[in-house]
Amino acid sequence: MALPKVSEIRELSDQELSEQIVAAKKQLFDLRFQKATRQLEKTHQFGHVRHRLAQLMTVERERQLESAKAGADKE
């Protein structure tokens, strides 16, 4: 499984971005639960999901900073 590209994430709408962040956090929770119950077979998934979550949150933060800057420029 190839790691996702940031360019794909930047094409998402704000609503889709939020939904993807929630989904990634839920997936991490499920992976931790599987690890605790010794049902996890593919441990590399932790790295993939954490990487994806970091990308999603980075793009979300970039958008927040852009909107804050645009608001400050109007004043």
PDB file of N, CA and C in Angstrom:
ATOM      1  N   MET A   1       0.842  -1.184   0.000  1.00  0.00           N
ATOM      2  CA  MET A   1       0.000   0.000   0.000  1.00  0.00           C
ATOM      3  C   MET A   1       0.882   1.240   0.000  1.00  0.00           C
ATOM      4  N   ALA A   2       0.703   2.067  -0.971  1.00  0.00           N
ATOM      5  CA  ALA A   2       1.494   3.285  -1.078  1.00  0.00           C
ATOM      6  C   ALA A   2       0.931   4.348  -0.135  1.00  0.00           C
ATOM      7  N   LEU A   3       1.810   5.170   0.374  1.00  0.00           N
ATOM      8  CA  LEU A   3       1.362   6.251   1.241  1.00  0.00           C
ATOM      9  C   LEU A   3       0.643   7.304   0.413  1.00  0.00           C
ATOM     10  N   PRO A   4      -0.380   7.930   0.969  1.00  0.00           N
ATOM     11  CA  PRO A   4      -1.166   8.917   0.215  1.00  0.00           C
ATOM     12  C   PRO A   4      -0.375  10.191  -0.058  1.00  0.00           C
ATOM     13  N   LYS A   5      -0.791  10.896  -1.078  1.00  0.00           N
ATOM     14  CA  LYS A   5      -0.143  12.141  -1.473  1.00  0.00           C
ATOM     15  C   LYS A   5      -0.889  13.330  -0.880  1.00  0.00           C
ATOM     16  N   VAL A   6      -0.163  14.361  -0.506  1.00  0.00           N
ATOM     17  CA  VAL A   6      -0.758  15.557   0.072  1.00  0.00           C
ATOM     18  C   VAL A   6      -1.585  16.293  -0.976  1.00  0.00           C
ATOM     19  N   SER A   7      -1.185  16.216  -2.232  1.00  0.00           N
ATOM     20  CA  SER A   7      -1.939  16.902  -3.283  1.00  0.00           C
ATOM     21  C   SER A   7      -3.375  16.393  -3.365  1.00  0.00           C
ATOM     22  N   GLU A   8      -3.578  15.107  -3.085  1.00  0.00           N
ATOM     23  CA  GLU A   8      -4.931  14.550  -3.075  1.00  0.00           C
ATOM     24  C   GLU A   8      -5.748  15.141  -1.929  1.00  0.00           C
ATOM     25  N   ILE A   9      -5.105  15.352  -0.813  1.00  0.00           N
ATOM     26  CA  ILE A   9      -5.787  15.886   0.368  1.00  0.00           C
ATOM     27  C   ILE A   9      -6.162  17.344   0.150  1.00  0.00           C
ATOM     28  N   ARG A  10      -5.309  18.094  -0.499  1.00  0.00           N
ATOM     29  CA  ARG A  10      -5.581  19.520  -0.724  1.00  0.00           C
ATOM     30  C   ARG A  10      -6.783  19.737  -1.642  1.00  0.00           C
ATOM     31  N   GLU A  11      -7.157  18.723  -2.408  1.00  0.00           N
ATOM     32  CA  GLU A  11      -8.311  18.829  -3.304  1.00  0.00           C
ATOM     33  C   GLU A  11      -9.636  18.615  -2.572  1.00  0.00           C
ATOM     34  N   LEU A  12      -9.592  18.131  -1.332  1.00  0.00           N
ATOM     35  CA  LEU A  12     -10.805  17.874  -0.566  1.00  0.00           C
ATOM     36  C   LEU A  12     -11.439  19.176  -0.079  1.00  0.00           C
ATOM     37  N   SER A  13     -12.750  19.148   0.095  1.00  0.00           N
ATOM     38  CA  SER A  13     -13.435  20.296   0.687  1.00  0.00           C
ATOM     39  C   SER A  13     -13.200  20.275   2.197  1.00  0.00           C
ATOM     40  N   ASP A  14     -13.549  21.369   2.863  1.00  0.00           N
ATOM     41  CA  ASP A  14     -13.365  21.439   4.310  1.00  0.00           C
ATOM     42  C   ASP A  14     -14.162  20.363   5.030  1.00  0.00           C
ATOM     43  N   GLN A  15     -15.385  20.112   4.571  1.00  0.00           N
ATOM     44  CA  GLN A  15     -16.237  19.095   5.187  1.00  0.00           C
ATOM     45  C   GLN A  15     -15.632  17.702   5.018  1.00  0.00           C
ATOM     46  N   GLU A  16     -15.168  17.397   3.813  1.00  0.00           N
ATOM     47  CA  GLU A  16     -14.551  16.095   3.548  1.00  0.00           C
ATOM     48  C   GLU A  16     -13.277  15.928   4.365  1.00  0.00           C
ATOM     49  N   LEU A  17     -12.531  17.008   4.510  1.00  0.00           N
ATOM     50  CA  LEU A  17     -11.304  16.975   5.294  1.00  0.00           C
ATOM     51  C   LEU A  17     -11.602  16.630   6.751  1.00  0.00           C
ATOM     52  N   SER A  18     -12.615  17.266   7.315  1.00  0.00           N
ATOM     53  CA  SER A  18     -13.004  16.979   8.693  1.00  0.00           C
ATOM     54  C   SER A  18     -13.455  15.530   8.861  1.00  0.00           C
ATOM     55  N   GLU A  19     -14.218  15.048   7.892  1.00  0.00           N
ATOM     56  CA  GLU A  19     -14.692  13.664   7.951  1.00  0.00           C
ATOM     57  C   GLU A  19     -13.526  12.680   7.883  1.00  0.00           C
ATOM     58  N   GLN A  20     -12.549  12.974   7.043  1.00  0.00           N
ATOM     59  CA  GLN A  20     -11.385  12.102   6.911  1.00  0.00           C
ATOM     60  C   GLN A  20     -10.560  12.086   8.203  1.00  0.00           C
ATOM     61  N   ILE A  21     -10.455  13.239   8.872  1.00  0.00           N
ATOM     62  CA  ILE A  21      -9.714  13.307  10.128  1.00  0.00           C
ATOM     63  C   ILE A  21     -10.393  12.444  11.186  1.00  0.00           C
ATOM     64  N   VAL A  22     -11.712  12.558  11.275  1.00  0.00           N
ATOM     65  CA  VAL A  22     -12.462  11.747  12.242  1.00  0.00           C
ATOM     66  C   VAL A  22     -12.302  10.259  11.930  1.00  0.00           C
ATOM     67  N   ALA A  23     -12.367   9.917  10.646  1.00  0.00           N
ATOM     68  CA  ALA A  23     -12.228   8.518  10.241  1.00  0.00           C
ATOM     69  C   ALA A  23     -10.839   7.976  10.582  1.00  0.00           C
ATOM     70  N   ALA A  24      -9.805   8.775  10.379  1.00  0.00           N
ATOM     71  CA  ALA A  24      -8.443   8.341  10.679  1.00  0.00           C
ATOM     72  C   ALA A  24      -8.250   8.154  12.180  1.00  0.00           C
ATOM     73  N   LYS A  25      -8.821   9.053  12.982  1.00  0.00           N
ATOM     74  CA  LYS A  25      -8.714   8.911  14.434  1.00  0.00           C
ATOM     75  C   LYS A  25      -9.444   7.660  14.909  1.00  0.00           C
ATOM     76  N   LYS A  26     -10.595   7.375  14.317  1.00  0.00           N
ATOM     77  CA  LYS A  26     -11.345   6.172  14.675  1.00  0.00           C
ATOM     78  C   LYS A  26     -10.561   4.926  14.281  1.00  0.00           C
ATOM     79  N   GLN A  27      -9.935   4.978  13.114  1.00  0.00           N
ATOM     80  CA  GLN A  27      -9.143   3.837  12.659  1.00  0.00           C
ATOM     81  C   GLN A  27      -7.957   3.591  13.596  1.00  0.00           C
ATOM     82  N   LEU A  28      -7.309   4.656  14.062  1.00  0.00           N
ATOM     83  CA  LEU A  28      -6.213   4.498  15.019  1.00  0.00           C
ATOM     84  C   LEU A  28      -6.711   3.873  16.319  1.00  0.00           C
ATOM     85  N   PHE A  29      -7.873   4.316  16.786  1.00  0.00           N
ATOM     86  CA  PHE A  29      -8.454   3.739  17.986  1.00  0.00           C
ATOM     87  C   PHE A  29      -8.692   2.248  17.798  1.00  0.00           C
ATOM     88  N   ASP A  30      -9.268   1.880  16.641  1.00  0.00           N
ATOM     89  CA  ASP A  30      -9.538   0.476  16.364  1.00  0.00           C
ATOM     90  C   ASP A  30      -8.247  -0.345  16.308  1.00  0.00           C
ATOM     91  N   LEU A  31      -7.204   0.227  15.721  1.00  0.00           N
ATOM     92  CA  LEU A  31      -5.915  -0.473  15.656  1.00  0.00           C
ATOM     93  C   LEU A  31      -5.331  -0.680  17.049  1.00  0.00           C
ATOM     94  N   ARG A  32      -5.429   0.350  17.901  1.00  0.00           N
ATOM     95  CA  ARG A  32      -4.937   0.202  19.271  1.00  0.00           C
ATOM     96  C   ARG A  32      -5.724  -0.867  20.021  1.00  0.00           C
ATOM     97  N   PHE A  33      -7.027  -0.909  19.793  1.00  0.00           N
ATOM     98  CA  PHE A  33      -7.872  -1.904  20.437  1.00  0.00           C
ATOM     99  C   PHE A  33      -7.485  -3.310  19.969  1.00  0.00           C
ATOM    100  N   GLN A  34      -7.249  -3.469  18.669  1.00  0.00           N
ATOM    101  CA  GLN A  34      -6.832  -4.767  18.139  1.00  0.00           C
ATOM    102  C   GLN A  34      -5.483  -5.181  18.699  1.00  0.00           C
ATOM    103  N   LYS A  35      -4.587  -4.218  18.864  1.00  0.00           N
ATOM    104  CA  LYS A  35      -3.272  -4.523  19.418  1.00  0.00           C
ATOM    105  C   LYS A  35      -3.396  -4.988  20.862  1.00  0.00           C
ATOM    106  N   ALA A  36      -4.256  -4.326  21.621  1.00  0.00           N
ATOM    107  CA  ALA A  36      -4.430  -4.675  23.029  1.00  0.00           C
ATOM    108  C   ALA A  36      -5.038  -6.068  23.189  1.00  0.00           C
ATOM    109  N   THR A  37      -5.885  -6.459  22.253  1.00  0.00           N
ATOM    110  CA  THR A  37      -6.520  -7.774  22.334  1.00  0.00           C
ATOM    111  C   THR A  37      -5.760  -8.821  21.522  1.00  0.00           C
ATOM    112  N   ARG A  38      -4.589  -8.455  21.052  1.00  0.00           N
ATOM    113  CA  ARG A  38      -3.698  -9.343  20.291  1.00  0.00           C
ATOM    114  C   ARG A  38      -4.347  -9.901  19.028  1.00  0.00           C
ATOM    115  N   GLN A  39      -5.139  -9.065  18.362  1.00  0.00           N
ATOM    116  CA  GLN A  39      -5.760  -9.468  17.106  1.00  0.00           C
ATOM    117  C   GLN A  39      -5.131  -8.770  15.910  1.00  0.00           C
ATOM    118  N   LEU A  40      -4.198  -7.873  16.155  1.00  0.00           N
ATOM    119  CA  LEU A  40      -3.586  -7.091  15.082  1.00  0.00           C
ATOM    120  C   LEU A  40      -2.506  -7.911  14.382  1.00  0.00           C
ATOM    121  N   GLU A  41      -2.630  -8.040  13.075  1.00  0.00           N
ATOM    122  CA  GLU A  41      -1.647  -8.788  12.299  1.00  0.00           C
ATOM    123  C   GLU A  41      -0.732  -7.879  11.496  1.00  0.00           C
ATOM    124  N   LYS A  42      -1.275  -6.785  11.003  1.00  0.00           N
ATOM    125  CA  LYS A  42      -0.498  -5.882  10.147  1.00  0.00           C
ATOM    126  C   LYS A  42      -0.120  -4.643  10.955  1.00  0.00           C
ATOM    127  N   THR A  43       0.987  -4.729  11.659  1.00  0.00           N
ATOM    128  CA  THR A  43       1.390  -3.632  12.536  1.00  0.00           C
ATOM    129  C   THR A  43       1.837  -2.394  11.774  1.00  0.00           C
ATOM    130  N   HIS A  44       2.179  -2.548  10.509  1.00  0.00           N
ATOM    131  CA  HIS A  44       2.612  -1.392   9.717  1.00  0.00           C
ATOM    132  C   HIS A  44       1.471  -0.409   9.485  1.00  0.00           C
ATOM    133  N   GLN A  45       0.244  -0.841   9.705  1.00  0.00           N
ATOM    134  CA  GLN A  45      -0.899   0.038   9.499  1.00  0.00           C
ATOM    135  C   GLN A  45      -0.856   1.241  10.436  1.00  0.00           C
ATOM    136  N   PHE A  46      -0.273   1.078  11.618  1.00  0.00           N
ATOM    137  CA  PHE A  46      -0.136   2.211  12.538  1.00  0.00           C
ATOM    138  C   PHE A  46       0.590   3.363  11.861  1.00  0.00           C
ATOM    139  N   GLY A  47       1.704   3.062  11.245  1.00  0.00           N
ATOM    140  CA  GLY A  47       2.494   4.093  10.587  1.00  0.00           C
ATOM    141  C   GLY A  47       1.748   4.752   9.444  1.00  0.00           C
ATOM    142  N   HIS A  48       1.051   3.958   8.667  1.00  0.00           N
ATOM    143  CA  HIS A  48       0.301   4.497   7.539  1.00  0.00           C
ATOM    144  C   HIS A  48      -0.810   5.429   8.002  1.00  0.00           C
ATOM    145  N   VAL A  49      -1.558   5.000   9.005  1.00  0.00           N
ATOM    146  CA  VAL A  49      -2.685   5.805   9.473  1.00  0.00           C
ATOM    147  C   VAL A  49      -2.190   7.066  10.165  1.00  0.00           C
ATOM    148  N   ARG A  50      -1.132   6.959  10.956  1.00  0.00           N
ATOM    149  CA  ARG A  50      -0.583   8.145  11.621  1.00  0.00           C
ATOM    150  C   ARG A  50      -0.051   9.144  10.600  1.00  0.00           C
ATOM    151  N   HIS A  51       0.579   8.640   9.545  1.00  0.00           N
ATOM    152  CA  HIS A  51       1.091   9.503   8.482  1.00  0.00           C
ATOM    153  C   HIS A  51      -0.063  10.228   7.789  1.00  0.00           C
ATOM    154  N   ARG A  52      -1.113   9.479   7.477  1.00  0.00           N
ATOM    155  CA  ARG A  52      -2.294  10.055   6.825  1.00  0.00           C
ATOM    156  C   ARG A  52      -2.938  11.118   7.715  1.00  0.00           C
ATOM    157  N   LEU A  53      -3.065  10.813   9.009  1.00  0.00           N
ATOM    158  CA  LEU A  53      -3.654  11.764   9.940  1.00  0.00           C
ATOM    159  C   LEU A  53      -2.812  13.036  10.026  1.00  0.00           C
ATOM    160  N   ALA A  54      -1.503  12.896  10.056  1.00  0.00           N
ATOM    161  CA  ALA A  54      -0.625  14.062  10.099  1.00  0.00           C
ATOM    162  C   ALA A  54      -0.801  14.925   8.853  1.00  0.00           C
ATOM    163  N   GLN A  55      -0.921  14.297   7.698  1.00  0.00           N
ATOM    164  CA  GLN A  55      -1.133  15.044   6.462  1.00  0.00           C
ATOM    165  C   GLN A  55      -2.459  15.800   6.504  1.00  0.00           C
ATOM    166  N   LEU A  56      -3.507  15.116   6.942  1.00  0.00           N
ATOM    167  CA  LEU A  56      -4.828  15.732   7.012  1.00  0.00           C
ATOM    168  C   LEU A  56      -4.829  16.931   7.956  1.00  0.00           C
ATOM    169  N   MET A  57      -4.218  16.762   9.116  1.00  0.00           N
ATOM    170  CA  MET A  57      -4.211  17.834  10.101  1.00  0.00           C
ATOM    171  C   MET A  57      -3.335  19.001   9.660  1.00  0.00           C
ATOM    172  N   THR A  58      -2.282  18.707   8.908  1.00  0.00           N
ATOM    173  CA  THR A  58      -1.424  19.765   8.384  1.00  0.00           C
ATOM    174  C   THR A  58      -2.185  20.630   7.382  1.00  0.00           C
ATOM    175  N   VAL A  59      -2.914  19.995   6.482  1.00  0.00           N
ATOM    176  CA  VAL A  59      -3.685  20.742   5.493  1.00  0.00           C
ATOM    177  C   VAL A  59      -4.773  21.554   6.188  1.00  0.00           C
ATOM    178  N   GLU A  60      -5.415  20.961   7.204  1.00  0.00           N
ATOM    179  CA  GLU A  60      -6.445  21.683   7.956  1.00  0.00           C
ATOM    180  C   GLU A  60      -5.851  22.933   8.622  1.00  0.00           C
ATOM    181  N   ARG A  61      -4.682  22.791   9.202  1.00  0.00           N
ATOM    182  CA  ARG A  61      -4.025  23.929   9.861  1.00  0.00           C
ATOM    183  C   ARG A  61      -3.617  24.989   8.844  1.00  0.00           C
ATOM    184  N   GLU A  62      -3.133  24.578   7.686  1.00  0.00           N
ATOM    185  CA  GLU A  62      -2.780  25.535   6.642  1.00  0.00           C
ATOM    186  C   GLU A  62      -3.993  26.377   6.254  1.00  0.00           C
ATOM    187  N   ARG A  63      -5.138  25.723   6.137  1.00  0.00           N
ATOM    188  CA  ARG A  63      -6.361  26.440   5.770  1.00  0.00           C
ATOM    189  C   ARG A  63      -6.793  27.395   6.877  1.00  0.00           C
ATOM    190  N   GLN A  64      -6.625  26.994   8.124  1.00  0.00           N
ATOM    191  CA  GLN A  64      -6.961  27.873   9.244  1.00  0.00           C
ATOM    192  C   GLN A  64      -6.083  29.117   9.227  1.00  0.00           C
ATOM    193  N   LEU A  65      -4.806  28.935   8.989  1.00  0.00           N
ATOM    194  CA  LEU A  65      -3.887  30.068   8.959  1.00  0.00           C
ATOM    195  C   LEU A  65      -4.186  30.995   7.784  1.00  0.00           C
ATOM    196  N   GLU A  66      -4.546  30.425   6.636  1.00  0.00           N
ATOM    197  CA  GLU A  66      -4.892  31.249   5.480  1.00  0.00           C
ATOM    198  C   GLU A  66      -6.119  32.092   5.752  1.00  0.00           C
ATOM    199  N   SER A  67      -7.131  31.500   6.383  1.00  0.00           N
ATOM    200  CA  SER A  67      -8.349  32.240   6.653  1.00  0.00           C
ATOM    201  C   SER A  67      -8.110  33.311   7.724  1.00  0.00           C
ATOM    202  N   ALA A  68      -7.253  33.019   8.697  1.00  0.00           N
ATOM    203  CA  ALA A  68      -6.928  34.007   9.726  1.00  0.00           C
ATOM    204  C   ALA A  68      -6.149  35.165   9.105  1.00  0.00           C
ATOM    205  N   LYS A  69      -5.250  34.850   8.198  1.00  0.00           N
ATOM    206  CA  LYS A  69      -4.474  35.908   7.533  1.00  0.00           C
ATOM    207  C   LYS A  69      -5.377  36.766   6.652  1.00  0.00           C
ATOM    208  N   ALA A  70      -6.302  36.124   5.956  1.00  0.00           N
ATOM    209  CA  ALA A  70      -7.220  36.861   5.093  1.00  0.00           C
ATOM    210  C   ALA A  70      -8.117  37.765   5.930  1.00  0.00           C
ATOM    211  N   GLY A  71      -8.530  37.294   7.105  1.00  0.00           N
ATOM    212  CA  GLY A  71      -9.334  38.108   8.003  1.00  0.00           C
ATOM    213  C   GLY A  71      -8.563  39.280   8.563  1.00  0.00           C
ATOM    214  N   ALA A  72      -7.289  39.076   8.846  1.00  0.00           N
ATOM    215  CA  ALA A  72      -6.461  40.159   9.385  1.00  0.00           C
ATOM    216  C   ALA A  72      -6.167  41.206   8.303  1.00  0.00           C
ATOM    217  N   ASP A  73      -6.047  40.767   7.067  1.00  0.00           N
ATOM    218  CA  ASP A  73      -5.779  41.708   5.975  1.00  0.00           C
ATOM    219  C   ASP A  73      -6.973  42.617   5.701  1.00  0.00           C
ATOM    220  N   LYS A  74      -8.193  42.146   5.946  1.00  0.00           N
ATOM    221  CA  LYS A  74      -9.382  42.937   5.711  1.00  0.00           C
ATOM    222  C   LYS A  74      -9.525  44.059   6.735  1.00  0.00           C
ATOM    223  N   GLU A  75      -8.999  43.823   7.908  1.00  0.00           N
ATOM    224  CA  GLU A  75      -9.118  44.845   8.971  1.00  0.00           C
ATOM    225  C   GLU A  75      -8.142  45.920   8.770  1.00  0.00           C
TER     226      GLU A  75
END
